[in-house]
Amino acid sequence: MLHVERGGSGPLLVLLHGLGATGEVW
């Protein structure tokens, strides 16, 4: 299972963190 955070509306931006990190870095 993948933990995903989403927000906003309109054109989609996907942000991918580096090795050892988590999505919170964005």
PDB file of all heavy atoms in Angstrom:
ATOM      1  N   MET A   1       0.841  -1.198   0.000  1.00  0.00           N
ATOM      2  CA  MET A   1       0.000   0.000   0.000  1.00  0.00           C
ATOM      3  C   MET A   1       0.877   1.251   0.000  1.00  0.00           C
ATOM      4  O   MET A   1       1.869   1.321   0.712  1.00  0.00           O
ATOM      5  CB  MET A   1      -0.913   0.003   1.234  1.00  0.00           C
ATOM      6  CG  MET A   1      -1.839   1.188   1.311  1.00  0.00           C
ATOM      7  SD  MET A   1      -2.951   1.083   2.736  1.00  0.00           S
ATOM      8  CE  MET A   1      -3.797   2.644   2.577  1.00  0.00           C
ATOM      9  N   LEU A   2       0.495   2.201  -0.836  1.00  0.00           N
ATOM     10  CA  LEU A   2       1.268   3.429  -0.973  1.00  0.00           C
ATOM     11  C   LEU A   2       0.565   4.556  -0.231  1.00  0.00           C
ATOM     12  O   LEU A   2      -0.621   4.795  -0.418  1.00  0.00           O
ATOM     13  CB  LEU A   2       1.405   3.784  -2.452  1.00  0.00           C
ATOM     14  CG  LEU A   2       2.560   4.694  -2.856  1.00  0.00           C
ATOM     15  CD1 LEU A   2       3.887   3.973  -2.677  1.00  0.00           C
ATOM     16  CD2 LEU A   2       2.402   5.138  -4.312  1.00  0.00           C
ATOM     17  N   HIS A   3       1.323   5.248   0.622  1.00  0.00           N
ATOM     18  CA  HIS A   3       0.773   6.422   1.303  1.00  0.00           C
ATOM     19  C   HIS A   3       0.896   7.613   0.367  1.00  0.00           C
ATOM     20  O   HIS A   3       1.985   7.926  -0.125  1.00  0.00           O
ATOM     21  CB  HIS A   3       1.524   6.700   2.608  1.00  0.00           C
ATOM     22  CG  HIS A   3       1.043   7.940   3.304  1.00  0.00           C
ATOM     23  ND1 HIS A   3       0.013   7.928   4.212  1.00  0.00           N
ATOM     24  CD2 HIS A   3       1.436   9.236   3.202  1.00  0.00           C
ATOM     25  CE1 HIS A   3      -0.208   9.147   4.648  1.00  0.00           C
ATOM     26  NE2 HIS A   3       0.646   9.965   4.049  1.00  0.00           N
ATOM     27  N   VAL A   4      -0.232   8.296   0.114  1.00  0.00           N
ATOM     28  CA  VAL A   4      -0.257   9.414  -0.833  1.00  0.00           C
ATOM     29  C   VAL A   4      -0.987  10.599  -0.218  1.00  0.00           C
ATOM     30  O   VAL A   4      -2.041  10.438   0.394  1.00  0.00           O
ATOM     31  CB  VAL A   4      -0.956   9.007  -2.148  1.00  0.00           C
ATOM     32  CG1 VAL A   4      -1.007  10.190  -3.110  1.00  0.00           C
ATOM     33  CG2 VAL A   4      -0.247   7.837  -2.801  1.00  0.00           C
ATOM     34  N   GLU A   5      -0.412  11.782  -0.371  1.00  0.00           N
ATOM     35  CA  GLU A   5      -1.079  13.030   0.003  1.00  0.00           C
ATOM     36  C   GLU A   5      -1.505  13.738  -1.281  1.00  0.00           C
ATOM     37  O   GLU A   5      -0.771  13.733  -2.281  1.00  0.00           O
ATOM     38  CB  GLU A   5      -0.130  13.936   0.789  1.00  0.00           C
ATOM     39  CG  GLU A   5       0.479  13.307   2.034  1.00  0.00           C
ATOM     40  CD  GLU A   5      -0.443  13.389   3.245  1.00  0.00           C
ATOM     41  OE1 GLU A   5      -1.436  14.130   3.171  1.00  0.00           O
ATOM     42  OE2 GLU A   5      -0.154  12.704   4.239  1.00  0.00           O
ATOM     43  N   ARG A   6      -2.700  14.340  -1.267  1.00  0.00           N
ATOM     44  CA  ARG A   6      -3.223  15.034  -2.439  1.00  0.00           C
ATOM     45  C   ARG A   6      -3.791  16.388  -2.033  1.00  0.00           C
ATOM     46  O   ARG A   6      -4.208  16.568  -0.895  1.00  0.00           O
ATOM     47  CB  ARG A   6      -4.331  14.222  -3.110  1.00  0.00           C
ATOM     48  CG  ARG A   6      -3.895  12.906  -3.717  1.00  0.00           C
ATOM     49  CD  ARG A   6      -5.095  12.193  -4.308  1.00  0.00           C
ATOM     50  NE  ARG A   6      -4.735  11.017  -5.088  1.00  0.00           N
ATOM     51  CZ  ARG A   6      -4.592   9.807  -4.572  1.00  0.00           C
ATOM     52  NH1 ARG A   6      -4.780   9.602  -3.281  1.00  0.00           N
ATOM     53  NH2 ARG A   6      -4.282   8.791  -5.352  1.00  0.00           N
ATOM     54  N   GLY A   7      -3.858  17.298  -3.000  1.00  0.00           N
ATOM     55  CA  GLY A   7      -4.469  18.597  -2.718  1.00  0.00           C
ATOM     56  C   GLY A   7      -4.609  19.417  -3.985  1.00  0.00           C
ATOM     57  O   GLY A   7      -4.118  19.038  -5.054  1.00  0.00           O
ATOM     58  N   GLY A   8      -5.284  20.554  -3.864  1.00  0.00           N
ATOM     59  CA  GLY A   8      -5.430  21.490  -4.971  1.00  0.00           C
ATOM     60  C   GLY A   8      -6.390  21.026  -6.047  1.00  0.00           C
ATOM     61  O   GLY A   8      -6.998  19.958  -5.959  1.00  0.00           O
ATOM     62  N   SER A   9      -6.498  21.835  -7.085  1.00  0.00           N
ATOM     63  CA  SER A   9      -7.332  21.504  -8.230  1.00  0.00           C
ATOM     64  C   SER A   9      -6.704  22.100  -9.483  1.00  0.00           C
ATOM     65  O   SER A   9      -6.037  23.131  -9.421  1.00  0.00           O
ATOM     66  CB  SER A   9      -8.753  22.047  -8.048  1.00  0.00           C
ATOM     67  OG  SER A   9      -8.740  23.457  -7.941  1.00  0.00           O
ATOM     68  N   GLY A  10      -6.888  21.424 -10.593  1.00  0.00           N
ATOM     69  CA  GLY A  10      -6.296  21.887 -11.837  1.00  0.00           C
ATOM     70  C   GLY A  10      -5.212  20.948 -12.327  1.00  0.00           C
ATOM     71  O   GLY A  10      -5.154  19.781 -11.914  1.00  0.00           O
ATOM     72  N   PRO A  11      -4.324  21.416 -13.208  1.00  0.00           N
ATOM     73  CA  PRO A  11      -3.257  20.570 -13.758  1.00  0.00           C
ATOM     74  C   PRO A  11      -2.450  19.894 -12.649  1.00  0.00           C
ATOM     75  O   PRO A  11      -2.131  20.518 -11.638  1.00  0.00           O
ATOM     76  CB  PRO A  11      -2.400  21.562 -14.551  1.00  0.00           C
ATOM     77  CG  PRO A  11      -3.331  22.674 -14.902  1.00  0.00           C
ATOM     78  CD  PRO A  11      -4.278  22.785 -13.746  1.00  0.00           C
ATOM     79  N   LEU A  12      -2.124  18.616 -12.862  1.00  0.00           N
ATOM     80  CA  LEU A  12      -1.543  17.801 -11.799  1.00  0.00           C
ATOM     81  C   LEU A  12      -0.017  17.818 -11.805  1.00  0.00           C
ATOM     82  O   LEU A  12       0.621  17.620 -12.839  1.00  0.00           O
ATOM     83  CB  LEU A  12      -2.033  16.361 -11.936  1.00  0.00           C
ATOM     84  CG  LEU A  12      -1.523  15.349 -10.913  1.00  0.00           C
ATOM     85  CD1 LEU A  12      -1.922  15.747  -9.492  1.00  0.00           C
ATOM     86  CD2 LEU A  12      -2.039  13.951 -11.241  1.00  0.00           C
ATOM     87  N   LEU A  13       0.549  18.029 -10.617  1.00  0.00           N
ATOM     88  CA  LEU A  13       1.985  17.936 -10.369  1.00  0.00           C
ATOM     89  C   LEU A  13       2.235  16.756  -9.439  1.00  0.00           C
ATOM     90  O   LEU A  13       1.617  16.653  -8.369  1.00  0.00           O
ATOM     91  CB  LEU A  13       2.498  19.218  -9.713  1.00  0.00           C
ATOM     92  CG  LEU A  13       3.950  19.218  -9.212  1.00  0.00           C
ATOM     93  CD1 LEU A  13       4.926  19.162 -10.386  1.00  0.00           C
ATOM     94  CD2 LEU A  13       4.230  20.447  -8.347  1.00  0.00           C
ATOM     95  N   VAL A  14       3.127  15.860  -9.833  1.00  0.00           N
ATOM     96  CA  VAL A  14       3.533  14.735  -8.992  1.00  0.00           C
ATOM     97  C   VAL A  14       4.943  15.011  -8.480  1.00  0.00           C
ATOM     98  O   VAL A  14       5.854  15.287  -9.266  1.00  0.00           O
ATOM     99  CB  VAL A  14       3.499  13.403  -9.773  1.00  0.00           C
ATOM    100  CG1 VAL A  14       4.014  12.258  -8.912  1.00  0.00           C
ATOM    101  CG2 VAL A  14       2.088  13.109 -10.271  1.00  0.00           C
ATOM    102  N   LEU A  15       5.121  14.938  -7.157  1.00  0.00           N
ATOM    103  CA  LEU A  15       6.411  15.219  -6.526  1.00  0.00           C
ATOM    104  C   LEU A  15       6.949  13.935  -5.891  1.00  0.00           C
ATOM    105  O   LEU A  15       6.270  13.308  -5.067  1.00  0.00           O
ATOM    106  CB  LEU A  15       6.252  16.300  -5.463  1.00  0.00           C
ATOM    107  CG  LEU A  15       5.888  17.701  -5.990  1.00  0.00           C
ATOM    108  CD1 LEU A  15       5.397  18.588  -4.852  1.00  0.00           C
ATOM    109  CD2 LEU A  15       7.087  18.340  -6.679  1.00  0.00           C
ATOM    110  N   LEU A  16       8.167  13.539  -6.261  1.00  0.00           N
ATOM    111  CA  LEU A  16       8.757  12.276  -5.813  1.00  0.00           C
ATOM    112  C   LEU A  16      10.053  12.543  -5.050  1.00  0.00           C
ATOM    113  O   LEU A  16      10.987  13.137  -5.580  1.00  0.00           O
ATOM    114  CB  LEU A  16       9.031  11.375  -7.019  1.00  0.00           C
ATOM    115  CG  LEU A  16       7.821  11.069  -7.924  1.00  0.00           C
ATOM    116  CD1 LEU A  16       8.262  10.285  -9.151  1.00  0.00           C
ATOM    117  CD2 LEU A  16       6.759  10.307  -7.150  1.00  0.00           C
ATOM    118  N   HIS A  17      10.107  12.094  -3.808  1.00  0.00           N
ATOM    119  CA  HIS A  17      11.265  12.341  -2.939  1.00  0.00           C
ATOM    120  C   HIS A  17      12.426  11.395  -3.249  1.00  0.00           C
ATOM    121  O   HIS A  17      12.299  10.444  -4.027  1.00  0.00           O
ATOM    122  CB  HIS A  17      10.851  12.205  -1.472  1.00  0.00           C
ATOM    123  CG  HIS A  17      10.409  10.816  -1.093  1.00  0.00           C
ATOM    124  ND1 HIS A  17      11.297   9.779  -0.885  1.00  0.00           N
ATOM    125  CD2 HIS A  17       9.164  10.295  -0.883  1.00  0.00           C
ATOM    126  CE1 HIS A  17      10.635   8.687  -0.561  1.00  0.00           C
ATOM    127  NE2 HIS A  17       9.334   8.961  -0.556  1.00  0.00           N
ATOM    128  N   GLY A  18      13.545  11.651  -2.597  1.00  0.00           N
ATOM    129  CA  GLY A  18      14.743  10.860  -2.795  1.00  0.00           C
ATOM    130  C   GLY A  18      14.851   9.687  -1.841  1.00  0.00           C
ATOM    131  O   GLY A  18      14.023   9.485  -0.944  1.00  0.00           O
ATOM    132  N   LEU A  19      15.914   8.894  -2.020  1.00  0.00           N
ATOM    133  CA  LEU A  19      16.152   7.707  -1.207  1.00  0.00           C
ATOM    134  C   LEU A  19      16.280   8.079   0.265  1.00  0.00           C
ATOM    135  O   LEU A  19      17.044   8.978   0.633  1.00  0.00           O
ATOM    136  CB  LEU A  19      17.428   7.009  -1.678  1.00  0.00           C
ATOM    137  CG  LEU A  19      17.829   5.724  -0.933  1.00  0.00           C
ATOM    138  CD1 LEU A  19      16.760   4.654  -1.097  1.00  0.00           C
ATOM    139  CD2 LEU A  19      19.175   5.216  -1.434  1.00  0.00           C
ATOM    140  N   GLY A  20      15.520   7.394   1.103  1.00  0.00           N
ATOM    141  CA  GLY A  20      15.579   7.608   2.545  1.00  0.00           C
ATOM    142  C   GLY A  20      14.630   8.663   3.057  1.00  0.00           C
ATOM    143  O   GLY A  20      14.385   8.736   4.265  1.00  0.00           O
ATOM    144  N   ALA A  21      14.084   9.493   2.183  1.00  0.00           N
ATOM    145  CA  ALA A  21      13.208  10.587   2.612  1.00  0.00           C
ATOM    146  C   ALA A  21      11.744  10.136   2.606  1.00  0.00           C
ATOM    147  O   ALA A  21      11.432   8.945   2.463  1.00  0.00           O
ATOM    148  CB  ALA A  21      13.407  11.809   1.724  1.00  0.00           C
ATOM    149  N   THR A  22      10.839  11.079   2.756  1.00  0.00           N
ATOM    150  CA  THR A  22       9.397  10.843   2.649  1.00  0.00           C
ATOM    151  C   THR A  22       8.781  12.027   1.915  1.00  0.00           C
ATOM    152  O   THR A  22       9.446  13.045   1.685  1.00  0.00           O
ATOM    153  CB  THR A  22       8.733  10.715   4.035  1.00  0.00           C
ATOM    154  OG1 THR A  22       8.754  11.999   4.686  1.00  0.00           O
ATOM    155  CG2 THR A  22       9.437   9.691   4.915  1.00  0.00           C
ATOM    156  N   GLY A  23       7.503  11.919   1.601  1.00  0.00           N
ATOM    157  CA  GLY A  23       6.825  12.987   0.885  1.00  0.00           C
ATOM    158  C   GLY A  23       6.806  14.311   1.624  1.00  0.00           C
ATOM    159  O   GLY A  23       6.609  15.368   1.010  1.00  0.00           O
ATOM    160  N   GLU A  24       7.032  14.277   2.930  1.00  0.00           N
ATOM    161  CA  GLU A  24       6.976  15.514   3.723  1.00  0.00           C
ATOM    162  C   GLU A  24       8.021  16.544   3.297  1.00  0.00           C
ATOM    163  O   GLU A  24       7.884  17.731   3.603  1.00  0.00           O
ATOM    164  CB  GLU A  24       7.145  15.204   5.210  1.00  0.00           C
ATOM    165  CG  GLU A  24       8.525  14.701   5.597  1.00  0.00           C
ATOM    166  CD  GLU A  24       8.590  14.193   7.029  1.00  0.00           C
ATOM    167  OE1 GLU A  24       8.726  15.020   7.943  1.00  0.00           O
ATOM    168  OE2 GLU A  24       8.508  12.969   7.230  1.00  0.00           O
ATOM    169  N   VAL A  25       9.072  16.106   2.593  1.00  0.00           N
ATOM    170  CA  VAL A  25      10.131  17.047   2.200  1.00  0.00           C
ATOM    171  C   VAL A  25       9.634  18.089   1.196  1.00  0.00           C
ATOM    172  O   VAL A  25      10.299  19.098   0.966  1.00  0.00           O
ATOM    173  CB  VAL A  25      11.363  16.316   1.617  1.00  0.00           C
ATOM    174  CG1 VAL A  25      11.981  15.387   2.655  1.00  0.00           C
ATOM    175  CG2 VAL A  25      11.013  15.543   0.351  1.00  0.00           C
ATOM    176  N   TRP A  26       8.455  17.852   0.602  1.00  0.00           N
ATOM    177  CA  TRP A  26       7.904  18.780  -0.382  1.00  0.00           C
ATOM    178  C   TRP A  26       6.921  19.765   0.239  1.00  0.00           C
ATOM    179  O   TRP A  26       6.258  20.530  -0.491  1.00  0.00           O
ATOM    180  CB  TRP A  26       7.201  18.010  -1.500  1.00  0.00           C
ATOM    181  CG  TRP A  26       8.085  17.094  -2.266  1.00  0.00           C
ATOM    182  CD1 TRP A  26       8.103  15.720  -2.191  1.00  0.00           C
ATOM    183  CD2 TRP A  26       9.077  17.449  -3.246  1.00  0.00           C
ATOM    184  NE1 TRP A  26       9.044  15.208  -3.060  1.00  0.00           N
ATOM    185  CE2 TRP A  26       9.651  16.245  -3.717  1.00  0.00           C
ATOM    186  CE3 TRP A  26       9.509  18.669  -3.767  1.00  0.00           C
ATOM    187  CZ2 TRP A  26      10.648  16.238  -4.696  1.00  0.00           C
ATOM    188  CZ3 TRP A  26      10.516  18.655  -4.722  1.00  0.00           C
ATOM    189  CH2 TRP A  26      11.078  17.446  -5.180  1.00  0.00           C
TER     190      TRP A  26
END
